[in-house]
């Protein structure tokens, strides 16, 4: 079969076939009497093999090795192709995300496009100062999706604070941050709930209420502290759990005292604290923290509970109760 017919049947141009020949990839098995290249069936099969390997991303040099080196290991080549393909997909995905974010700012001209790209690049900078400056840019210059992603990834506390401040000034950030609550990475979940805690609005509050049922104790605690400070009574059981566990217990006790703003709330909170004090599984350190938490709860229920602890079997609890009663003017 002559080169023109091979080109027609294979879809590979005659020029490319000559290029393959110059590289030693395909050598026509014969020549006609007039000196024209003549390809045998085996040559045609080799051309199709070359095209198949090119289609999966191999270079012509790699194709030559794959076809001619008896010691070549296909599995290694496939592993390398998978790695390179994943890297290319990741790069293309990142580019697509960046372009979507530029488009979301509705740029009026190339200067706007370049400015947004510069801000996005700064958010991913290895320099904490550059990331902070990007976070503090005017709201309309930074896509909210980029801010949320940066906030969930940021480990520097100063930059993280700037990003949370920027998110609080942006619309639509609550739903984006909520995705971080389900992350398999504990640090991301914590950043998500910390950011939500600083957002205004009913949507963020609703998401924090849902977070009270999170299997992550840190997420539950952050949500409870934020909601309790807003006067949400639903946070009370989690706050009491935090005191028992000794996790941000001082902050939890302070928020409980805020929630105990009326007689009914004070009675309810004091009753919860007393109930945990009486549980057999509550150890001495936790009982001490619960006793101290009663000091911040006004009303008769807390006072009676402290008075009842004066004869507690744990001397530390009894002494703490006596001291707190004197401070309350009840002892």
C-alpha atoms as a PDB file:
ATOM      1  CA  UNK A   1       0.000   0.000   0.000  1.00  0.00           C
ATOM      2  CA  UNK A   2       1.432   3.366  -1.021  1.00  0.00           C
ATOM      3  CA  UNK A   3       1.751   6.322   1.324  1.00  0.00           C
ATOM      4  CA  UNK A   4      -1.245   8.196  -0.118  1.00  0.00           C
ATOM      5  CA  UNK A   5      -3.555   5.229   0.440  1.00  0.00           C
ATOM      6  CA  UNK A   6      -2.152   4.699   3.953  1.00  0.00           C
ATOM      7  CA  UNK A   7      -2.791   8.349   4.762  1.00  0.00           C
ATOM      8  CA  UNK A   8      -6.357   8.110   3.484  1.00  0.00           C
ATOM      9  CA  UNK A   9      -7.181   4.944   5.423  1.00  0.00           C
ATOM     10  CA  UNK A  10      -5.404   5.813   8.660  1.00  0.00           C
ATOM     11  CA  UNK A  11      -6.216   9.505   8.867  1.00  0.00           C
ATOM     12  CA  UNK A  12      -2.522  10.244   9.377  1.00  0.00           C
ATOM     13  CA  UNK A  13      -1.186  12.762   6.866  1.00  0.00           C
ATOM     14  CA  UNK A  14       1.557  11.772   4.456  1.00  0.00           C
ATOM     15  CA  UNK A  15       3.733  14.486   5.984  1.00  0.00           C
ATOM     16  CA  UNK A  16       3.291  12.977   9.471  1.00  0.00           C
ATOM     17  CA  UNK A  17       4.027   9.493   8.125  1.00  0.00           C
ATOM     18  CA  UNK A  18       7.312  10.792   6.690  1.00  0.00           C
ATOM     19  CA  UNK A  19       8.022  12.391  10.088  1.00  0.00           C
ATOM     20  CA  UNK A  20       7.402   9.044  11.808  1.00  0.00           C
ATOM     21  CA  UNK A  21       9.813   7.453   9.351  1.00  0.00           C
ATOM     22  CA  UNK A  22      12.498  10.082  10.057  1.00  0.00           C
ATOM     23  CA  UNK A  23      12.203   9.291  13.768  1.00  0.00           C
ATOM     24  CA  UNK A  24      12.418   5.569  13.147  1.00  0.00           C
ATOM     25  CA  UNK A  25       8.899   4.912  14.418  1.00  0.00           C
ATOM     26  CA  UNK A  26       7.564   3.388  11.182  1.00  0.00           C
ATOM     27  CA  UNK A  27       9.704   2.178   8.327  1.00  0.00           C
ATOM     28  CA  UNK A  28       7.871   1.032   5.194  1.00  0.00           C
ATOM     29  CA  UNK A  29       8.591  -2.616   4.579  1.00  0.00           C
ATOM     30  CA  UNK A  30       9.339  -2.132   0.894  1.00  0.00           C
ATOM     31  CA  UNK A  31       9.662   0.106  -2.116  1.00  0.00           C
ATOM     32  CA  UNK A  32       8.020  -0.082  -5.471  1.00  0.00           C
ATOM     33  CA  UNK A  33      10.027  -0.359  -8.642  1.00  0.00           C
ATOM     34  CA  UNK A  34       9.687   3.399  -9.000  1.00  0.00           C
ATOM     35  CA  UNK A  35      11.074   3.905  -5.490  1.00  0.00           C
ATOM     36  CA  UNK A  36       7.801   4.784  -3.738  1.00  0.00           C
ATOM     37  CA  UNK A  37       7.250   3.723  -0.124  1.00  0.00           C
ATOM     38  CA  UNK A  38       5.173   0.590   0.213  1.00  0.00           C
ATOM     39  CA  UNK A  39       3.548  -0.264   3.550  1.00  0.00           C
ATOM     40  CA  UNK A  40       2.693  -3.814   4.618  1.00  0.00           C
ATOM     41  CA  UNK A  41      -0.194  -4.794   6.898  1.00  0.00           C
ATOM     42  CA  UNK A  42       2.217  -4.949   9.848  1.00  0.00           C
ATOM     43  CA  UNK A  43       3.295  -1.360   9.130  1.00  0.00           C
ATOM     44  CA  UNK A  44      -0.341  -0.231   9.116  1.00  0.00           C
ATOM     45  CA  UNK A  45      -0.943  -1.926  12.479  1.00  0.00           C
ATOM     46  CA  UNK A  46       2.108  -0.143  13.892  1.00  0.00           C
ATOM     47  CA  UNK A  47       0.758   3.222  12.676  1.00  0.00           C
ATOM     48  CA  UNK A  48      -2.527   2.576  14.481  1.00  0.00           C
ATOM     49  CA  UNK A  49      -0.602   1.605  17.622  1.00  0.00           C
ATOM     50  CA  UNK A  50       1.317   4.865  17.437  1.00  0.00           C
ATOM     51  CA  UNK A  51      -1.871   6.896  17.055  1.00  0.00           C
ATOM     52  CA  UNK A  52      -3.526   5.081  19.975  1.00  0.00           C
ATOM     53  CA  UNK A  53      -0.560   5.799  22.244  1.00  0.00           C
ATOM     54  CA  UNK A  54      -0.480   9.439  21.131  1.00  0.00           C
ATOM     55  CA  UNK A  55      -4.180   9.708  22.011  1.00  0.00           C
ATOM     56  CA  UNK A  56      -3.478   8.800  25.646  1.00  0.00           C
ATOM     57  CA  UNK A  57      -0.767  11.444  25.928  1.00  0.00           C
ATOM     58  CA  UNK A  58       2.531   9.710  25.146  1.00  0.00           C
ATOM     59  CA  UNK A  59       5.258  11.651  23.385  1.00  0.00           C
ATOM     60  CA  UNK A  60       6.737  10.226  20.198  1.00  0.00           C
ATOM     61  CA  UNK A  61       9.937   9.412  22.107  1.00  0.00           C
ATOM     62  CA  UNK A  62       7.931   7.435  24.695  1.00  0.00           C
ATOM     63  CA  UNK A  63       6.006   5.683  21.929  1.00  0.00           C
ATOM     64  CA  UNK A  64       9.257   4.536  20.351  1.00  0.00           C
ATOM     65  CA  UNK A  65      10.393   3.057  23.664  1.00  0.00           C
ATOM     66  CA  UNK A  66       7.020   1.441  24.278  1.00  0.00           C
ATOM     67  CA  UNK A  67       7.019  -0.291  20.898  1.00  0.00           C
ATOM     68  CA  UNK A  68      10.696  -1.263  20.543  1.00  0.00           C
ATOM     69  CA  UNK A  69      12.213  -1.700  24.025  1.00  0.00           C
ATOM     70  CA  UNK A  70      11.619  -5.308  25.185  1.00  0.00           C
ATOM     71  CA  UNK A  71      12.382  -4.281  28.763  1.00  0.00           C
ATOM     72  CA  UNK A  72       9.799  -1.501  28.761  1.00  0.00           C
ATOM     73  CA  UNK A  73       7.157  -1.884  31.510  1.00  0.00           C
ATOM     74  CA  UNK A  74       3.665  -0.788  30.398  1.00  0.00           C
ATOM     75  CA  UNK A  75       2.384  -0.577  33.979  1.00  0.00           C
ATOM     76  CA  UNK A  76       4.988   2.059  34.870  1.00  0.00           C
ATOM     77  CA  UNK A  77       4.064   4.088  31.825  1.00  0.00           C
ATOM     78  CA  UNK A  78       0.350   3.908  32.644  1.00  0.00           C
ATOM     79  CA  UNK A  79       1.055   5.008  36.226  1.00  0.00           C
ATOM     80  CA  UNK A  80       2.998   7.975  34.916  1.00  0.00           C
ATOM     81  CA  UNK A  81       0.221   8.840  32.473  1.00  0.00           C
ATOM     82  CA  UNK A  82      -2.344   8.732  35.271  1.00  0.00           C
ATOM     83  CA  UNK A  83      -0.216  11.051  37.410  1.00  0.00           C
ATOM     84  CA  UNK A  84       0.326  13.538  34.593  1.00  0.00           C
ATOM     85  CA  UNK A  85      -3.343  13.444  33.618  1.00  0.00           C
ATOM     86  CA  UNK A  86      -4.426  14.141  37.178  1.00  0.00           C
ATOM     87  CA  UNK A  87      -1.991  17.038  37.396  1.00  0.00           C
ATOM     88  CA  UNK A  88      -3.312  18.443  34.124  1.00  0.00           C
ATOM     89  CA  UNK A  89      -6.928  18.061  35.255  1.00  0.00           C
ATOM     90  CA  UNK A  90      -6.124  19.773  38.557  1.00  0.00           C
ATOM     91  CA  UNK A  91      -4.437  22.655  36.748  1.00  0.00           C
ATOM     92  CA  UNK A  92      -7.289  23.015  34.276  1.00  0.00           C
ATOM     93  CA  UNK A  93      -9.856  22.835  37.076  1.00  0.00           C
ATOM     94  CA  UNK A  94      -8.022  25.529  39.004  1.00  0.00           C
ATOM     95  CA  UNK A  95      -7.933  27.706  35.894  1.00  0.00           C
ATOM     96  CA  UNK A  96     -11.652  27.167  35.305  1.00  0.00           C
ATOM     97  CA  UNK A  97     -12.467  28.097  38.892  1.00  0.00           C
ATOM     98  CA  UNK A  98     -10.330  31.209  38.616  1.00  0.00           C
ATOM     99  CA  UNK A  99     -11.994  32.246  35.357  1.00  0.00           C
ATOM    100  CA  UNK A 100     -15.463  31.672  36.857  1.00  0.00           C
ATOM    101  CA  UNK A 101     -14.524  33.906  39.752  1.00  0.00           C
ATOM    102  CA  UNK A 102     -13.251  36.624  37.461  1.00  0.00           C
ATOM    103  CA  UNK A 103     -16.474  36.434  35.461  1.00  0.00           C
ATOM    104  CA  UNK A 104     -18.537  36.679  38.671  1.00  0.00           C
ATOM    105  CA  UNK A 105     -17.101  40.153  39.303  1.00  0.00           C
ATOM    106  CA  UNK A 106     -18.553  41.309  35.957  1.00  0.00           C
ATOM    107  CA  UNK A 107     -15.347  43.043  34.831  1.00  0.00           C
ATOM    108  CA  UNK A 108     -15.808  46.084  32.593  1.00  0.00           C
ATOM    109  CA  UNK A 109     -12.398  45.870  30.932  1.00  0.00           C
ATOM    110  CA  UNK A 110      -9.055  44.122  30.871  1.00  0.00           C
ATOM    111  CA  UNK A 111      -7.774  46.251  33.734  1.00  0.00           C
ATOM    112  CA  UNK A 112     -10.554  44.866  35.925  1.00  0.00           C
ATOM    113  CA  UNK A 113      -9.764  41.306  34.839  1.00  0.00           C
ATOM    114  CA  UNK A 114      -6.079  41.731  35.602  1.00  0.00           C
ATOM    115  CA  UNK A 115      -6.834  43.321  38.967  1.00  0.00           C
ATOM    116  CA  UNK A 116      -9.102  40.445  40.037  1.00  0.00           C
ATOM    117  CA  UNK A 117      -6.498  37.930  38.875  1.00  0.00           C
ATOM    118  CA  UNK A 118      -3.873  39.731  40.953  1.00  0.00           C
ATOM    119  CA  UNK A 119      -6.103  39.578  44.030  1.00  0.00           C
ATOM    120  CA  UNK A 120      -6.799  35.871  43.499  1.00  0.00           C
ATOM    121  CA  UNK A 121      -3.092  35.193  43.082  1.00  0.00           C
ATOM    122  CA  UNK A 122      -2.369  37.123  46.288  1.00  0.00           C
ATOM    123  CA  UNK A 123      -4.909  35.031  48.225  1.00  0.00           C
ATOM    124  CA  UNK A 124      -2.836  31.971  47.335  1.00  0.00           C
ATOM    125  CA  UNK A 125       0.510  33.630  48.023  1.00  0.00           C
ATOM    126  CA  UNK A 126       3.005  31.975  50.395  1.00  0.00           C
ATOM    127  CA  UNK A 127       3.340  35.412  52.044  1.00  0.00           C
ATOM    128  CA  UNK A 128       0.927  35.921  54.953  1.00  0.00           C
ATOM    129  CA  UNK A 129       1.160  39.683  54.435  1.00  0.00           C
ATOM    130  CA  UNK A 130       0.097  39.386  50.801  1.00  0.00           C
ATOM    131  CA  UNK A 131      -2.835  37.151  51.744  1.00  0.00           C
ATOM    132  CA  UNK A 132      -3.932  39.596  54.421  1.00  0.00           C
ATOM    133  CA  UNK A 133      -3.793  42.558  52.027  1.00  0.00           C
ATOM    134  CA  UNK A 134      -5.887  40.614  49.519  1.00  0.00           C
ATOM    135  CA  UNK A 135      -8.449  39.810  52.202  1.00  0.00           C
ATOM    136  CA  UNK A 136      -8.738  43.490  53.092  1.00  0.00           C
ATOM    137  CA  UNK A 137      -9.358  44.596  49.492  1.00  0.00           C
ATOM    138  CA  UNK A 138     -12.739  46.206  48.726  1.00  0.00           C
ATOM    139  CA  UNK A 139     -15.555  43.653  48.752  1.00  0.00           C
ATOM    140  CA  UNK A 140     -16.463  44.057  45.089  1.00  0.00           C
ATOM    141  CA  UNK A 141     -12.890  43.217  44.055  1.00  0.00           C
ATOM    142  CA  UNK A 142     -12.709  39.788  45.701  1.00  0.00           C
ATOM    143  CA  UNK A 143     -15.055  36.940  44.657  1.00  0.00           C
ATOM    144  CA  UNK A 144     -16.802  35.589  47.738  1.00  0.00           C
ATOM    145  CA  UNK A 145     -16.043  31.996  46.637  1.00  0.00           C
ATOM    146  CA  UNK A 146     -12.329  32.768  46.763  1.00  0.00           C
ATOM    147  CA  UNK A 147     -12.644  34.354  50.200  1.00  0.00           C
ATOM    148  CA  UNK A 148     -14.523  31.343  51.584  1.00  0.00           C
ATOM    149  CA  UNK A 149     -12.025  28.868  50.133  1.00  0.00           C
ATOM    150  CA  UNK A 150      -9.124  30.906  51.532  1.00  0.00           C
ATOM    151  CA  UNK A 151     -10.774  31.126  54.973  1.00  0.00           C
ATOM    152  CA  UNK A 152     -11.209  27.355  55.126  1.00  0.00           C
ATOM    153  CA  UNK A 153      -7.553  26.804  54.186  1.00  0.00           C
ATOM    154  CA  UNK A 154      -5.912  29.596  56.204  1.00  0.00           C
ATOM    155  CA  UNK A 155      -3.772  28.567  59.200  1.00  0.00           C
ATOM    156  CA  UNK A 156      -2.283  31.974  60.066  1.00  0.00           C
ATOM    157  CA  UNK A 157      -4.526  33.444  62.821  1.00  0.00           C
ATOM    158  CA  UNK A 158      -4.036  37.059  61.718  1.00  0.00           C
ATOM    159  CA  UNK A 159      -4.849  36.349  58.081  1.00  0.00           C
ATOM    160  CA  UNK A 160      -7.743  34.104  59.136  1.00  0.00           C
ATOM    161  CA  UNK A 161      -9.195  36.976  61.150  1.00  0.00           C
ATOM    162  CA  UNK A 162      -8.950  39.304  58.153  1.00  0.00           C
ATOM    163  CA  UNK A 163     -10.666  36.725  55.939  1.00  0.00           C
ATOM    164  CA  UNK A 164     -13.513  36.252  58.441  1.00  0.00           C
ATOM    165  CA  UNK A 165     -13.941  40.022  58.586  1.00  0.00           C
ATOM    166  CA  UNK A 166     -14.094  40.158  54.787  1.00  0.00           C
ATOM    167  CA  UNK A 167     -16.623  37.320  54.651  1.00  0.00           C
ATOM    168  CA  UNK A 168     -18.846  39.105  57.162  1.00  0.00           C
ATOM    169  CA  UNK A 169     -19.056  41.990  54.675  1.00  0.00           C
ATOM    170  CA  UNK A 170     -19.840  39.746  51.679  1.00  0.00           C
ATOM    171  CA  UNK A 171     -23.166  38.341  50.552  1.00  0.00           C
ATOM    172  CA  UNK A 172     -23.678  34.624  50.063  1.00  0.00           C
ATOM    173  CA  UNK A 173     -20.754  33.421  52.157  1.00  0.00           C
ATOM    174  CA  UNK A 174     -22.757  31.362  54.683  1.00  0.00           C
ATOM    175  CA  UNK A 175     -23.656  28.562  52.262  1.00  0.00           C
ATOM    176  CA  UNK A 176     -20.078  28.373  51.008  1.00  0.00           C
ATOM    177  CA  UNK A 177     -18.694  28.074  54.531  1.00  0.00           C
ATOM    178  CA  UNK A 178     -21.289  25.457  55.433  1.00  0.00           C
ATOM    179  CA  UNK A 179     -19.601  23.077  52.989  1.00  0.00           C
ATOM    180  CA  UNK A 180     -16.556  23.165  55.258  1.00  0.00           C
ATOM    181  CA  UNK A 181     -18.581  21.809  58.186  1.00  0.00           C
ATOM    182  CA  UNK A 182     -18.674  18.427  56.464  1.00  0.00           C
ATOM    183  CA  UNK A 183     -14.975  18.338  55.618  1.00  0.00           C
ATOM    184  CA  UNK A 184     -13.029  15.209  56.636  1.00  0.00           C
ATOM    185  CA  UNK A 185     -10.312  17.564  57.949  1.00  0.00           C
ATOM    186  CA  UNK A 186     -10.912  18.701  61.540  1.00  0.00           C
ATOM    187  CA  UNK A 187      -9.061  21.996  61.066  1.00  0.00           C
ATOM    188  CA  UNK A 188     -11.274  22.913  58.111  1.00  0.00           C
ATOM    189  CA  UNK A 189     -14.423  22.151  60.111  1.00  0.00           C
ATOM    190  CA  UNK A 190     -13.224  24.410  62.909  1.00  0.00           C
ATOM    191  CA  UNK A 191     -12.397  27.245  60.514  1.00  0.00           C
ATOM    192  CA  UNK A 192     -15.833  26.894  58.947  1.00  0.00           C
ATOM    193  CA  UNK A 193     -17.701  27.205  62.231  1.00  0.00           C
ATOM    194  CA  UNK A 194     -15.484  30.055  63.443  1.00  0.00           C
ATOM    195  CA  UNK A 195     -16.228  31.954  60.241  1.00  0.00           C
ATOM    196  CA  UNK A 196     -19.950  31.255  60.461  1.00  0.00           C
ATOM    197  CA  UNK A 197     -19.940  32.497  64.043  1.00  0.00           C
ATOM    198  CA  UNK A 198     -18.845  35.931  62.838  1.00  0.00           C
ATOM    199  CA  UNK A 199     -21.394  36.218  60.034  1.00  0.00           C
ATOM    200  CA  UNK A 200     -24.521  38.307  60.538  1.00  0.00           C
ATOM    201  CA  UNK A 201     -27.917  37.141  59.404  1.00  0.00           C
ATOM    202  CA  UNK A 202     -30.474  34.403  59.850  1.00  0.00           C
ATOM    203  CA  UNK A 203     -28.809  31.984  57.429  1.00  0.00           C
ATOM    204  CA  UNK A 204     -25.614  31.815  59.460  1.00  0.00           C
ATOM    205  CA  UNK A 205     -27.601  31.445  62.679  1.00  0.00           C
ATOM    206  CA  UNK A 206     -29.594  28.548  61.221  1.00  0.00           C
ATOM    207  CA  UNK A 207     -26.399  26.812  60.141  1.00  0.00           C
ATOM    208  CA  UNK A 208     -24.949  27.244  63.624  1.00  0.00           C
ATOM    209  CA  UNK A 209     -28.084  25.682  65.122  1.00  0.00           C
ATOM    210  CA  UNK A 210     -27.572  22.683  62.839  1.00  0.00           C
ATOM    211  CA  UNK A 211     -23.929  22.556  63.956  1.00  0.00           C
ATOM    212  CA  UNK A 212     -25.048  21.962  67.546  1.00  0.00           C
ATOM    213  CA  UNK A 213     -25.724  18.368  66.468  1.00  0.00           C
ATOM    214  CA  UNK A 214     -22.344  17.926  64.764  1.00  0.00           C
ATOM    215  CA  UNK A 215     -20.383  14.783  65.698  1.00  0.00           C
ATOM    216  CA  UNK A 216     -17.337  17.064  66.054  1.00  0.00           C
ATOM    217  CA  UNK A 217     -17.166  18.360  69.645  1.00  0.00           C
ATOM    218  CA  UNK A 218     -15.133  21.392  68.571  1.00  0.00           C
ATOM    219  CA  UNK A 219     -17.738  22.383  65.990  1.00  0.00           C
ATOM    220  CA  UNK A 220     -20.544  21.908  68.530  1.00  0.00           C
ATOM    221  CA  UNK A 221     -18.680  24.009  71.072  1.00  0.00           C
ATOM    222  CA  UNK A 222     -17.902  26.889  68.694  1.00  0.00           C
ATOM    223  CA  UNK A 223     -21.512  26.948  67.539  1.00  0.00           C
ATOM    224  CA  UNK A 224     -22.823  26.892  71.109  1.00  0.00           C
ATOM    225  CA  UNK A 225     -20.598  29.771  72.203  1.00  0.00           C
ATOM    226  CA  UNK A 226     -21.707  31.890  69.249  1.00  0.00           C
ATOM    227  CA  UNK A 227     -25.395  31.083  69.615  1.00  0.00           C
ATOM    228  CA  UNK A 228     -25.351  31.472  73.386  1.00  0.00           C
ATOM    229  CA  UNK A 229     -23.850  34.936  73.038  1.00  0.00           C
ATOM    230  CA  UNK A 230     -26.817  35.752  70.785  1.00  0.00           C
ATOM    231  CA  UNK A 231     -29.244  34.554  73.461  1.00  0.00           C
ATOM    232  CA  UNK A 232     -30.091  31.200  71.841  1.00  0.00           C
ATOM    233  CA  UNK A 233     -31.253  28.871  74.628  1.00  0.00           C
ATOM    234  CA  UNK A 234     -30.752  25.850  72.350  1.00  0.00           C
ATOM    235  CA  UNK A 235     -27.023  26.167  73.011  1.00  0.00           C
ATOM    236  CA  UNK A 236     -27.409  25.470  76.743  1.00  0.00           C
ATOM    237  CA  UNK A 237     -26.970  21.654  76.793  1.00  0.00           C
ATOM    238  CA  UNK A 238     -23.815  21.851  74.666  1.00  0.00           C
ATOM    239  CA  UNK A 239     -22.398  24.581  76.904  1.00  0.00           C
ATOM    240  CA  UNK A 240     -22.967  22.379  79.955  1.00  0.00           C
ATOM    241  CA  UNK A 241     -21.267  19.484  78.150  1.00  0.00           C
ATOM    242  CA  UNK A 242     -18.271  21.743  77.514  1.00  0.00           C
ATOM    243  CA  UNK A 243     -17.981  22.520  81.229  1.00  0.00           C
ATOM    244  CA  UNK A 244     -18.091  18.830  82.091  1.00  0.00           C
ATOM    245  CA  UNK A 245     -15.496  18.016  79.446  1.00  0.00           C
ATOM    246  CA  UNK A 246     -13.232  20.919  80.448  1.00  0.00           C
ATOM    247  CA  UNK A 247     -13.214  22.261  76.899  1.00  0.00           C
ATOM    248  CA  UNK A 248     -13.423  26.070  76.832  1.00  0.00           C
ATOM    249  CA  UNK A 249     -15.290  25.658  80.112  1.00  0.00           C
ATOM    250  CA  UNK A 250     -14.657  29.209  81.318  1.00  0.00           C
ATOM    251  CA  UNK A 251     -16.080  30.680  78.126  1.00  0.00           C
ATOM    252  CA  UNK A 252     -19.023  28.270  78.299  1.00  0.00           C
ATOM    253  CA  UNK A 253     -19.779  29.301  81.909  1.00  0.00           C
ATOM    254  CA  UNK A 254     -19.639  32.982  80.931  1.00  0.00           C
ATOM    255  CA  UNK A 255     -22.127  32.417  78.109  1.00  0.00           C
ATOM    256  CA  UNK A 256     -24.432  30.462  80.429  1.00  0.00           C
ATOM    257  CA  UNK A 257     -24.514  33.435  82.788  1.00  0.00           C
ATOM    258  CA  UNK A 258     -25.586  35.593  79.830  1.00  0.00           C
ATOM    259  CA  UNK A 259     -28.337  33.126  78.936  1.00  0.00           C
ATOM    260  CA  UNK A 260     -29.601  33.121  82.525  1.00  0.00           C
ATOM    261  CA  UNK A 261     -31.136  36.549  82.018  1.00  0.00           C
ATOM    262  CA  UNK A 262     -34.530  35.804  83.546  1.00  0.00           C
ATOM    263  CA  UNK A 263     -35.797  33.651  86.400  1.00  0.00           C
ATOM    264  CA  UNK A 264     -37.076  30.845  84.181  1.00  0.00           C
ATOM    265  CA  UNK A 265     -33.835  30.607  82.210  1.00  0.00           C
ATOM    266  CA  UNK A 266     -31.736  30.797  85.389  1.00  0.00           C
ATOM    267  CA  UNK A 267     -33.754  27.974  86.967  1.00  0.00           C
ATOM    268  CA  UNK A 268     -33.445  25.816  83.835  1.00  0.00           C
ATOM    269  CA  UNK A 269     -29.680  26.299  83.539  1.00  0.00           C
ATOM    270  CA  UNK A 270     -29.040  25.759  87.253  1.00  0.00           C
ATOM    271  CA  UNK A 271     -31.102  22.576  87.131  1.00  0.00           C
ATOM    272  CA  UNK A 272     -29.013  21.262  84.248  1.00  0.00           C
ATOM    273  CA  UNK A 273     -25.782  21.983  86.106  1.00  0.00           C
ATOM    274  CA  UNK A 274     -27.107  20.321  89.287  1.00  0.00           C
ATOM    275  CA  UNK A 275     -28.247  17.308  87.279  1.00  0.00           C
ATOM    276  CA  UNK A 276     -24.761  16.805  85.867  1.00  0.00           C
ATOM    277  CA  UNK A 277     -23.265  17.234  89.337  1.00  0.00           C
ATOM    278  CA  UNK A 278     -25.348  14.316  90.557  1.00  0.00           C
ATOM    279  CA  UNK A 279     -24.417  11.892  87.779  1.00  0.00           C
ATOM    280  CA  UNK A 280     -22.173   9.030  88.864  1.00  0.00           C
ATOM    281  CA  UNK A 281     -20.049   9.385  85.749  1.00  0.00           C
ATOM    282  CA  UNK A 282     -19.124  12.986  86.547  1.00  0.00           C
ATOM    283  CA  UNK A 283     -15.611  12.952  88.007  1.00  0.00           C
ATOM    284  CA  UNK A 284     -14.173  15.314  90.648  1.00  0.00           C
ATOM    285  CA  UNK A 285     -12.587  17.820  88.200  1.00  0.00           C
ATOM    286  CA  UNK A 286     -15.846  18.138  86.288  1.00  0.00           C
ATOM    287  CA  UNK A 287     -17.846  18.521  89.526  1.00  0.00           C
ATOM    288  CA  UNK A 288     -15.522  21.339  90.515  1.00  0.00           C
ATOM    289  CA  UNK A 289     -16.087  23.130  87.212  1.00  0.00           C
ATOM    290  CA  UNK A 290     -19.860  22.667  87.450  1.00  0.00           C
ATOM    291  CA  UNK A 291     -19.826  24.120  90.972  1.00  0.00           C
ATOM    292  CA  UNK A 292     -17.909  27.160  89.756  1.00  0.00           C
ATOM    293  CA  UNK A 293     -20.344  27.578  86.860  1.00  0.00           C
ATOM    294  CA  UNK A 294     -23.239  27.799  89.341  1.00  0.00           C
ATOM    295  CA  UNK A 295     -21.693  31.011  90.685  1.00  0.00           C
ATOM    296  CA  UNK A 296     -22.611  32.865  87.491  1.00  0.00           C
ATOM    297  CA  UNK A 297     -26.255  31.763  87.544  1.00  0.00           C
ATOM    298  CA  UNK A 298     -28.554  34.079  89.503  1.00  0.00           C
ATOM    299  CA  UNK A 299     -31.583  32.961  91.456  1.00  0.00           C
ATOM    300  CA  UNK A 300     -32.694  30.664  94.213  1.00  0.00           C
ATOM    301  CA  UNK A 301     -32.091  27.371  92.381  1.00  0.00           C
ATOM    302  CA  UNK A 302     -28.361  27.996  92.022  1.00  0.00           C
ATOM    303  CA  UNK A 303     -28.124  29.266  95.621  1.00  0.00           C
ATOM    304  CA  UNK A 304     -29.868  26.173  96.979  1.00  0.00           C
ATOM    305  CA  UNK A 305     -27.610  23.955  94.910  1.00  0.00           C
ATOM    306  CA  UNK A 306     -24.495  25.649  96.289  1.00  0.00           C
ATOM    307  CA  UNK A 307     -25.838  25.379  99.828  1.00  0.00           C
ATOM    308  CA  UNK A 308     -26.438  21.674  99.280  1.00  0.00           C
ATOM    309  CA  UNK A 309     -22.823  21.242  98.258  1.00  0.00           C
ATOM    310  CA  UNK A 310     -21.460  22.563 101.550  1.00  0.00           C
ATOM    311  CA  UNK A 311     -21.463  19.024 102.907  1.00  0.00           C
ATOM    312  CA  UNK A 312     -20.209  17.396  99.715  1.00  0.00           C
ATOM    313  CA  UNK A 313     -17.940  14.373 100.103  1.00  0.00           C
ATOM    314  CA  UNK A 314     -15.371  16.127  97.940  1.00  0.00           C
ATOM    315  CA  UNK A 315     -13.690  18.763 100.151  1.00  0.00           C
ATOM    316  CA  UNK A 316     -12.680  20.845  97.128  1.00  0.00           C
ATOM    317  CA  UNK A 317     -16.291  21.065  95.976  1.00  0.00           C
ATOM    318  CA  UNK A 318     -17.514  21.914  99.498  1.00  0.00           C
ATOM    319  CA  UNK A 319     -14.903  24.684  99.924  1.00  0.00           C
ATOM    320  CA  UNK A 320     -15.684  26.101  96.475  1.00  0.00           C
ATOM    321  CA  UNK A 321     -19.420  26.134  97.266  1.00  0.00           C
ATOM    322  CA  UNK A 322     -18.796  27.934 100.595  1.00  0.00           C
ATOM    323  CA  UNK A 323     -16.613  30.541  98.920  1.00  0.00           C
ATOM    324  CA  UNK A 324     -19.130  31.130  96.130  1.00  0.00           C
ATOM    325  CA  UNK A 325     -22.009  31.457  98.577  1.00  0.00           C
ATOM    326  CA  UNK A 326     -20.108  34.181 100.442  1.00  0.00           C
ATOM    327  CA  UNK A 327     -19.502  36.011  97.180  1.00  0.00           C
ATOM    328  CA  UNK A 328     -23.211  35.807  96.393  1.00  0.00           C
ATOM    329  CA  UNK A 329     -24.019  37.069  99.866  1.00  0.00           C
ATOM    330  CA  UNK A 330     -25.856  33.843 100.678  1.00  0.00           C
ATOM    331  CA  UNK A 331     -23.345  32.392 103.138  1.00  0.00           C
END
